[in-house]
Amino acid sequence: MMRTASIRLEVSAEQARALAALRTAYADACNRLVPIVREYRLWNRVGLHQRTYSNLREATLLGSQMCCNVIFSVCKAYKAQKELGRIRKDEPIPEIRFDRPSVHFDKRTYTLKNDAVTLYTLDGRIKVAMRPGEHQRRILKSGQPKEAELVLRKGQWFFNLVVESCDAEPVASGPVMGVDVGENNLAAHSLGKVFGGEPLRDKRDRYLALRRRLQSNGSQSAKQKLRQVSGKEARRVKHINHETSKAIVQTAIQAGVAKITMEDLTHIRSRIKAGKRMRGRLHRWAWRQLQSFVEYKAKAAGIAVEYVNPAYTSQTCSDCGSIGKRSKHRFVCEHCGLRAHSDLNASRNLARIGSGAPLSRAAVNTPDVGNGINHALVSQ
């Protein structure tokens, strides 16, 4: 399991200048590769290295390994664009500008020494003091440090270090918990808890209205305020998702759950069919972030995580398996009389799938095989 510790660095004025110079040179090198990526449609790391490495070494002040890291960063950025569907086969490759990039470090360009780290710069290595908190110390002690990103945020340098740790011993046996995520409610789990989303949704709508006003203004101060608002909203959503996922996993631990089942929401945004306003709200919702937080917290506790096809989970009765009726937050089964919160019902169906029980499907007209066989025998 990979976890990231964001560690604050305590740098002197001279060290800050050295890191800023490295960041500027790194950004320039990344921007040099963008036209080549666009011209040759090349974001394979090996192929781009073979085509650009020698030129990078001649045209920049970066060392050999840092040039390799530049190629890695550019390829990673374009692969992310590809995954998001922003690179299409018959259209030009979009241009990416590396204006305020993080600097990628690997094991050859940094070394940890107790509460300090030595970092590559254009003028040689510098030793910088780290100021990790208790949370970061726990992550550092949990496994093996891997790659890292050097980030400048609000005038403060941070070293975002990835740590690879082994998952906890898996829970041998126990019940399955289903977790349903949504927009009206953040999440619901099959053990009976619904996490409401109204306060967060209202806050995000207010942020959206504020962003629209600032964008229509267009002044320099409005653009500055827009960056502040966007960052504040993202941090708030992330914080709430962390709180929700922590509560879900804690409940699972207390109940002795062996597996958590969640919906496979791959390509869900392309499948959303709603009005413009509703699409805007749904496209801004951080479903996948909440699921990823639940996943890594669960694996750290030895609980397996499975993603399943959510088809008919909101329409099937979790008691008898019949197709029922859902109206907003209410689910009613006319077959067995069950009345339940629709999200709780869906989460219980996810738990059933995780346990291996199939769900009912919508009624279809099936051929009468027996009559067909009898008719064939008579005709003979």
Protein backbone atom coordinates (compact mmCIF):
# COMPACT_ATOMS: atom_id res chain seq x y z
CA MET A 1 0.00 0.00 0.00
CA MET A 2 1.25 3.46 -0.92
CA ARG A 3 0.73 6.45 1.38
CA THR A 4 2.04 10.00 1.10
CA ALA A 5 3.54 12.03 3.93
CA SER A 6 3.51 15.77 3.25
CA ILE A 7 6.49 17.00 5.28
CA ARG A 8 7.20 20.67 5.87
CA LEU A 9 10.79 21.72 5.20
CA GLU A 10 12.60 24.32 7.28
CA VAL A 11 14.82 26.13 4.77
CA SER A 12 17.14 29.09 5.09
CA ALA A 13 16.99 32.02 2.67
CA GLU A 14 19.93 30.62 0.71
CA GLN A 15 18.38 27.16 0.52
CA ALA A 16 15.05 28.65 -0.60
CA ARG A 17 16.84 30.42 -3.48
CA ALA A 18 18.53 27.16 -4.49
CA LEU A 19 15.22 25.27 -4.48
CA ALA A 20 13.50 28.07 -6.41
CA ALA A 21 16.25 28.00 -9.06
CA LEU A 22 15.87 24.23 -9.37
CA ARG A 23 12.10 24.58 -9.74
CA THR A 24 12.48 27.20 -12.48
CA ALA A 25 14.98 25.06 -14.42
CA TYR A 26 12.73 22.02 -13.98
CA ALA A 27 9.70 23.91 -15.33
CA ASP A 28 11.70 25.16 -18.33
CA ALA A 29 12.87 21.62 -19.12
CA CYS A 30 9.31 20.26 -18.90
CA ASN A 31 8.01 22.98 -21.23
CA ARG A 32 10.77 22.14 -23.74
CA LEU A 33 9.37 18.62 -24.08
CA VAL A 34 5.75 19.62 -24.67
CA PRO A 35 6.13 20.51 -28.41
CA ILE A 36 7.88 17.18 -29.02
CA VAL A 37 5.13 15.26 -27.24
CA ARG A 38 2.50 17.08 -29.31
CA GLU A 39 4.32 16.69 -32.63
CA TYR A 40 5.09 12.97 -32.31
CA ARG A 41 2.16 12.03 -30.04
CA LEU A 42 4.78 10.50 -27.78
CA TRP A 43 4.29 10.16 -24.03
CA ASN A 44 5.93 6.78 -23.58
CA ARG A 45 8.77 7.25 -21.09
CA VAL A 46 11.32 5.11 -22.94
CA GLY A 47 10.52 6.58 -26.34
CA LEU A 48 10.59 10.17 -25.10
CA HIS A 49 13.86 9.53 -23.27
CA GLN A 50 15.51 8.23 -26.44
CA ARG A 51 14.33 11.24 -28.45
CA THR A 52 14.97 14.08 -25.97
CA TYR A 53 17.52 13.13 -23.29
CA SER A 54 20.65 14.34 -25.10
CA ASN A 55 19.06 17.67 -26.01
CA LEU A 56 17.89 18.21 -22.44
CA ARG A 57 21.39 17.64 -21.10
CA GLU A 58 22.83 20.18 -23.56
CA ALA A 59 20.11 22.83 -23.24
CA THR A 60 19.54 22.83 -19.46
CA LEU A 61 21.60 23.00 -16.28
CA LEU A 62 19.96 19.88 -14.86
CA GLY A 63 21.96 16.77 -14.07
CA SER A 64 21.46 13.44 -15.78
CA GLN A 65 19.04 11.89 -13.27
CA MET A 66 16.99 15.08 -12.93
CA CYS A 67 16.59 15.11 -16.73
CA CYS A 68 15.16 11.60 -16.43
CA ASN A 69 12.78 12.91 -13.77
CA VAL A 70 11.67 15.70 -16.12
CA ILE A 71 10.78 13.11 -18.76
CA PHE A 72 8.88 11.14 -16.11
CA SER A 73 6.85 14.21 -15.06
CA VAL A 74 5.88 15.12 -18.62
CA CYS A 75 4.87 11.56 -19.49
CA LYS A 76 2.86 11.30 -16.28
CA ALA A 77 1.00 14.54 -17.05
CA TYR A 78 0.04 13.43 -20.56
CA LYS A 79 -0.95 9.94 -19.43
CA ALA A 80 -3.30 11.60 -16.93
CA GLN A 81 -4.82 13.63 -19.79
CA LYS A 82 -5.25 10.41 -21.75
CA GLU A 83 -7.01 8.71 -18.84
CA LEU A 84 -9.37 11.68 -18.50
CA GLY A 85 -10.34 11.37 -22.18
CA ARG A 86 -8.82 14.72 -23.18
CA ILE A 87 -6.55 13.18 -25.82
CA ARG A 88 -8.52 11.92 -28.80
CA LYS A 89 -7.23 9.96 -31.75
CA ASP A 90 -8.01 12.40 -34.57
CA GLU A 91 -7.51 15.67 -32.69
CA PRO A 92 -4.37 17.68 -31.85
CA ILE A 93 -2.67 16.94 -28.56
CA PRO A 94 -3.54 19.61 -25.96
CA GLU A 95 -0.74 21.83 -24.69
CA ILE A 96 0.22 21.57 -21.03
CA ARG A 97 2.03 24.47 -19.38
CA PHE A 98 4.32 23.68 -16.45
CA ASP A 99 4.16 27.09 -14.78
CA ARG A 100 4.25 26.05 -11.11
CA PRO A 101 5.34 22.41 -11.24
CA SER A 102 6.37 20.14 -8.43
CA VAL A 103 9.90 18.77 -8.77
CA HIS A 104 10.07 14.99 -8.92
CA PHE A 105 12.76 13.31 -6.78
CA ASP A 106 13.73 9.65 -6.82
CA LYS A 107 16.14 7.64 -4.66
CA ARG A 108 19.12 8.97 -6.64
CA THR A 109 18.27 12.64 -6.04
CA TYR A 110 17.38 12.66 -2.34
CA THR A 111 18.56 10.95 0.84
CA LEU A 112 16.83 10.81 4.23
CA LYS A 113 19.01 11.41 7.29
CA ASN A 114 17.01 11.25 10.53
CA ASP A 115 14.95 14.48 10.60
CA ALA A 116 16.69 15.94 7.56
CA VAL A 117 16.83 15.30 3.83
CA THR A 118 19.59 16.01 1.33
CA LEU A 119 18.24 17.30 -1.98
CA TYR A 120 19.79 17.73 -5.40
CA THR A 121 20.07 21.36 -6.57
CA LEU A 122 21.82 23.09 -9.47
CA ASP A 123 24.70 23.99 -7.13
CA GLY A 124 25.07 20.59 -5.49
CA ARG A 125 23.32 18.83 -2.65
CA ILE A 126 21.88 20.72 0.29
CA LYS A 127 20.80 19.36 3.65
CA VAL A 128 17.36 20.60 4.72
CA ALA A 129 15.69 20.08 8.09
CA MET A 130 12.28 18.35 8.05
CA ARG A 131 9.49 19.17 10.48
CA PRO A 132 7.11 16.19 10.34
CA GLY A 133 4.07 16.01 12.60
CA GLU A 134 2.87 12.91 14.43
CA HIS A 135 0.80 11.80 11.44
CA GLN A 136 3.77 12.08 9.08
CA ARG A 137 6.03 10.22 11.52
CA ARG A 138 3.59 7.32 11.67
CA ILE A 139 3.59 7.09 7.88
CA LEU A 140 7.40 7.23 7.71
CA LYS A 141 7.71 4.42 10.25
CA SER A 142 5.15 2.24 8.47
CA GLY A 143 7.24 1.28 5.45
CA GLN A 144 9.88 1.98 2.83
CA PRO A 145 10.27 5.51 1.38
CA LYS A 146 9.96 5.70 -2.39
CA GLU A 147 9.67 8.69 -4.76
CA ALA A 148 8.76 12.23 -3.73
CA GLU A 149 7.60 15.61 -5.01
CA LEU A 150 9.02 18.95 -3.90
CA VAL A 151 6.16 21.46 -3.71
CA LEU A 152 6.02 25.20 -3.00
CA ARG A 153 2.73 26.15 -1.36
CA LYS A 154 2.02 29.66 -0.06
CA GLY A 155 5.70 30.41 0.25
CA GLN A 156 6.42 27.20 2.21
CA TRP A 157 8.34 24.21 0.85
CA PHE A 158 6.92 20.71 1.34
CA PHE A 159 8.43 17.32 0.58
CA ASN A 160 5.61 14.93 -0.37
CA LEU A 161 7.20 11.54 0.22
CA VAL A 162 5.53 8.31 -0.90
CA VAL A 163 5.93 5.42 1.55
CA GLU A 164 5.24 1.81 0.61
CA SER A 165 4.02 -0.31 3.49
CA CYS A 166 2.68 -3.83 3.72
CA ASP A 167 -1.06 -4.26 4.21
CA ALA A 168 -2.19 -5.58 7.56
CA GLU A 169 -2.95 -9.26 7.96
CA PRO A 170 -6.27 -9.85 6.19
CA VAL A 171 -9.32 -10.51 8.34
CA ALA A 172 -9.86 -14.28 8.03
CA SER A 173 -13.65 -14.30 8.15
CA GLY A 174 -16.53 -12.01 8.87
CA PRO A 175 -19.55 -10.25 7.36
CA VAL A 176 -19.51 -8.13 4.21
CA MET A 177 -20.28 -4.42 4.36
CA GLY A 178 -21.79 -2.62 1.39
CA VAL A 179 -21.07 1.11 0.93
CA ASP A 180 -23.25 3.19 -1.41
CA VAL A 181 -21.99 6.69 -2.33
CA GLY A 182 -24.15 9.47 -3.70
CA GLU A 183 -24.82 13.17 -4.07
CA ASN A 184 -27.84 13.77 -1.83
CA ASN A 185 -26.16 11.67 0.85
CA LEU A 186 -22.39 11.29 0.94
CA ALA A 187 -22.54 7.60 1.75
CA ALA A 188 -24.59 4.87 3.37
CA HIS A 189 -23.36 1.53 4.66
CA SER A 190 -25.25 -1.71 5.12
CA LEU A 191 -24.85 -1.69 8.91
CA GLY A 192 -27.41 1.10 9.09
CA LYS A 193 -25.67 4.50 8.87
CA VAL A 194 -26.40 7.31 6.38
CA PHE A 195 -23.95 10.23 6.03
CA GLY A 196 -25.94 13.28 4.92
CA GLY A 197 -24.59 15.53 2.16
CA GLU A 198 -26.89 18.57 2.38
CA PRO A 199 -24.48 20.94 4.26
CA LEU A 200 -21.60 20.13 1.90
CA ARG A 201 -23.79 20.41 -1.19
CA ASP A 202 -25.10 23.80 -0.06
CA LYS A 203 -21.56 25.01 0.61
CA ARG A 204 -20.36 23.86 -2.82
CA ASP A 205 -23.28 25.59 -4.53
CA ARG A 206 -22.28 28.81 -2.76
CA TYR A 207 -18.69 28.38 -3.92
CA LEU A 208 -19.93 27.79 -7.48
CA ALA A 209 -21.97 31.01 -7.43
CA LEU A 210 -18.96 32.92 -6.07
CA ARG A 211 -16.66 31.50 -8.77
CA ARG A 212 -19.08 32.55 -11.48
CA ARG A 213 -19.15 36.12 -10.16
CA LEU A 214 -15.37 36.26 -9.95
CA GLN A 215 -14.94 34.79 -13.46
CA SER A 216 -17.33 37.35 -14.94
CA ASN A 217 -15.40 40.14 -13.19
CA GLY A 218 -12.08 39.19 -14.78
CA SER A 219 -9.90 41.60 -12.76
CA GLN A 220 -6.50 40.60 -11.36
CA SER A 221 -7.79 40.65 -7.77
CA ALA A 222 -10.78 38.53 -8.83
CA LYS A 223 -8.43 35.94 -10.37
CA GLN A 224 -6.37 35.88 -7.18
CA LYS A 225 -9.51 35.41 -5.08
CA LEU A 226 -10.67 32.68 -7.49
CA ARG A 227 -7.52 30.64 -6.80
CA GLN A 228 -8.04 31.01 -3.05
CA VAL A 229 -11.69 29.93 -3.25
CA SER A 230 -10.95 26.91 -5.44
CA GLY A 231 -8.24 25.67 -3.09
CA LYS A 232 -10.42 26.20 -0.02
CA GLU A 233 -13.32 24.25 -1.54
CA ALA A 234 -11.07 21.32 -2.53
CA ARG A 235 -9.55 21.17 0.96
CA ARG A 236 -12.99 21.22 2.58
CA VAL A 237 -14.28 18.38 0.41
CA LYS A 238 -11.14 16.34 1.06
CA HIS A 239 -11.44 16.88 4.81
CA ILE A 240 -15.09 15.75 4.89
CA ASN A 241 -14.28 12.69 2.74
CA HIS A 242 -11.51 11.78 5.18
CA GLU A 243 -13.89 12.09 8.14
CA THR A 244 -16.59 10.03 6.41
CA SER A 245 -14.22 7.27 5.26
CA LYS A 246 -12.66 7.06 8.72
CA ALA A 247 -16.08 6.61 10.33
CA ILE A 248 -17.05 3.91 7.79
CA VAL A 249 -13.87 1.90 8.29
CA GLN A 250 -14.02 2.28 12.08
CA THR A 251 -17.55 0.83 12.06
CA ALA A 252 -16.33 -2.03 9.86
CA ILE A 253 -13.49 -2.81 12.28
CA GLN A 254 -15.83 -2.83 15.28
CA ALA A 255 -18.24 -5.17 13.45
CA GLY A 256 -15.47 -7.58 12.40
CA VAL A 257 -16.12 -6.99 8.70
CA ALA A 258 -13.90 -9.01 6.35
CA LYS A 259 -14.78 -7.23 3.09
CA ILE A 260 -16.21 -3.90 1.94
CA THR A 261 -18.11 -3.85 -1.34
CA MET A 262 -18.54 -0.60 -3.28
CA GLU A 263 -19.90 0.45 -6.66
CA ASP A 264 -17.67 0.42 -9.72
CA LEU A 265 -18.18 4.01 -10.92
CA THR A 266 -15.81 3.86 -13.91
CA HIS A 267 -16.95 6.30 -16.64
CA ILE A 268 -19.98 7.33 -14.56
CA ARG A 269 -19.68 10.96 -15.63
CA SER A 270 -20.06 10.03 -19.30
CA ARG A 271 -23.23 8.07 -18.40
CA ILE A 272 -24.94 10.88 -16.48
CA LYS A 273 -28.12 12.03 -18.23
CA ALA A 274 -29.56 15.12 -16.58
CA GLY A 275 -30.03 18.86 -17.04
CA LYS A 276 -27.08 21.25 -17.28
CA ARG A 277 -27.32 22.40 -13.67
CA MET A 278 -27.58 18.86 -12.30
CA ARG A 279 -24.73 17.65 -14.53
CA GLY A 280 -22.57 20.45 -13.18
CA ARG A 281 -23.29 19.40 -9.60
CA LEU A 282 -22.68 15.72 -10.27
CA HIS A 283 -19.48 16.29 -12.24
CA ARG A 284 -18.04 18.26 -9.30
CA TRP A 285 -18.82 15.53 -6.77
CA ALA A 286 -15.82 13.63 -5.39
CA TRP A 287 -17.21 10.08 -5.38
CA ARG A 288 -13.99 8.41 -6.39
CA GLN A 289 -11.98 10.31 -3.80
CA LEU A 290 -14.26 9.07 -1.01
CA GLN A 291 -14.04 5.50 -2.29
CA SER A 292 -10.24 5.66 -2.51
CA PHE A 293 -10.05 6.94 1.09
CA VAL A 294 -12.27 4.07 2.26
CA GLU A 295 -10.13 1.62 0.29
CA TYR A 296 -6.73 2.55 1.68
CA LYS A 297 -8.00 2.87 5.25
CA ALA A 298 -9.71 -0.52 4.98
CA LYS A 299 -6.64 -2.24 3.55
CA ALA A 300 -4.53 -0.78 6.35
CA ALA A 301 -6.88 -2.58 8.75
CA GLY A 302 -6.74 -5.88 6.83
CA ILE A 303 -10.21 -5.49 5.31
CA ALA A 304 -10.53 -6.48 1.64
CA VAL A 305 -12.21 -4.09 -0.81
CA GLU A 306 -14.18 -5.12 -3.89
CA TYR A 307 -15.82 -3.02 -6.62
CA VAL A 308 -18.91 -4.48 -8.28
CA ASN A 309 -21.40 -3.57 -11.00
CA PRO A 310 -24.10 -1.47 -9.27
CA ALA A 311 -26.85 -2.31 -11.82
CA TYR A 312 -30.28 -2.69 -10.13
CA THR A 313 -28.91 -2.20 -6.60
CA SER A 314 -31.18 0.82 -6.12
CA GLN A 315 -34.25 -0.98 -7.53
CA THR A 316 -33.93 -4.40 -5.87
CA CYS A 317 -35.39 -5.23 -2.48
CA SER A 318 -32.61 -6.19 -0.10
CA ASP A 319 -35.01 -8.46 1.83
CA CYS A 320 -36.68 -10.62 -0.81
CA GLY A 321 -34.75 -9.76 -3.99
CA SER A 322 -37.79 -8.51 -5.92
CA ILE A 323 -37.85 -5.37 -8.03
CA GLY A 324 -39.38 -2.54 -6.01
CA LYS A 325 -40.03 1.18 -6.39
CA ARG A 326 -37.67 3.99 -5.45
CA SER A 327 -38.84 7.55 -4.94
CA LYS A 328 -36.03 9.90 -3.86
CA HIS A 329 -34.95 8.62 -0.39
CA ARG A 330 -37.74 6.05 -0.04
CA PHE A 331 -37.74 2.48 -1.29
CA VAL A 332 -40.90 0.35 -1.20
CA CYS A 333 -41.18 -3.34 -2.08
CA GLU A 334 -44.73 -4.32 -3.07
CA HIS A 335 -43.85 -8.02 -2.82
CA CYS A 336 -42.72 -8.28 0.83
CA GLY A 337 -43.77 -4.85 2.10
CA LEU A 338 -40.26 -3.61 2.95
CA ARG A 339 -39.98 0.16 3.42
CA ALA A 340 -36.45 1.49 3.78
CA HIS A 341 -34.13 4.38 3.02
CA SER A 342 -33.20 3.94 -0.64
CA ASP A 343 -29.45 4.39 -0.03
CA LEU A 344 -29.45 1.92 2.85
CA ASN A 345 -31.32 -0.55 0.68
CA ALA A 346 -28.74 -0.11 -2.11
CA SER A 347 -25.85 -0.58 0.34
CA ARG A 348 -27.40 -3.84 1.59
CA ASN A 349 -27.71 -5.06 -1.99
CA LEU A 350 -24.01 -4.28 -2.49
CA ALA A 351 -23.28 -6.37 0.59
CA ARG A 352 -25.36 -9.22 -0.89
CA ILE A 353 -23.36 -9.07 -4.13
CA GLY A 354 -20.13 -9.09 -2.13
CA SER A 355 -21.36 -12.20 -0.31
CA GLY A 356 -21.94 -13.97 -3.63
CA ALA A 357 -25.73 -13.68 -3.84
CA PRO A 358 -27.00 -12.60 -7.29
CA LEU A 359 -29.52 -9.77 -7.67
CA SER A 360 -32.78 -9.90 -9.55
CA ARG A 361 -32.89 -8.30 -12.94
CA ALA A 362 -35.66 -6.44 -14.70
CA ALA A 363 -38.44 -8.62 -16.14
CA VAL A 364 -37.92 -9.70 -19.74
CA ASN A 365 -39.94 -11.84 -22.17
CA THR A 366 -38.27 -15.26 -22.22
CA PRO A 367 -39.01 -17.90 -24.87
CA ASP A 368 -41.08 -20.94 -23.86
CA VAL A 369 -38.42 -23.57 -24.46
CA GLY A 370 -40.64 -26.47 -23.42
CA ASN A 371 -43.33 -25.74 -25.97
CA GLY A 372 -40.72 -25.41 -28.69
CA ILE A 373 -39.32 -28.85 -27.89
CA ASN A 374 -42.80 -30.45 -27.78
CA HIS A 375 -43.72 -28.86 -31.11
CA ALA A 376 -40.54 -30.26 -32.70
CA LEU A 377 -41.28 -33.77 -31.41
CA VAL A 378 -44.86 -33.70 -32.76
CA SER A 379 -43.72 -32.54 -36.17
CA GLN A 380 -41.35 -35.49 -36.39
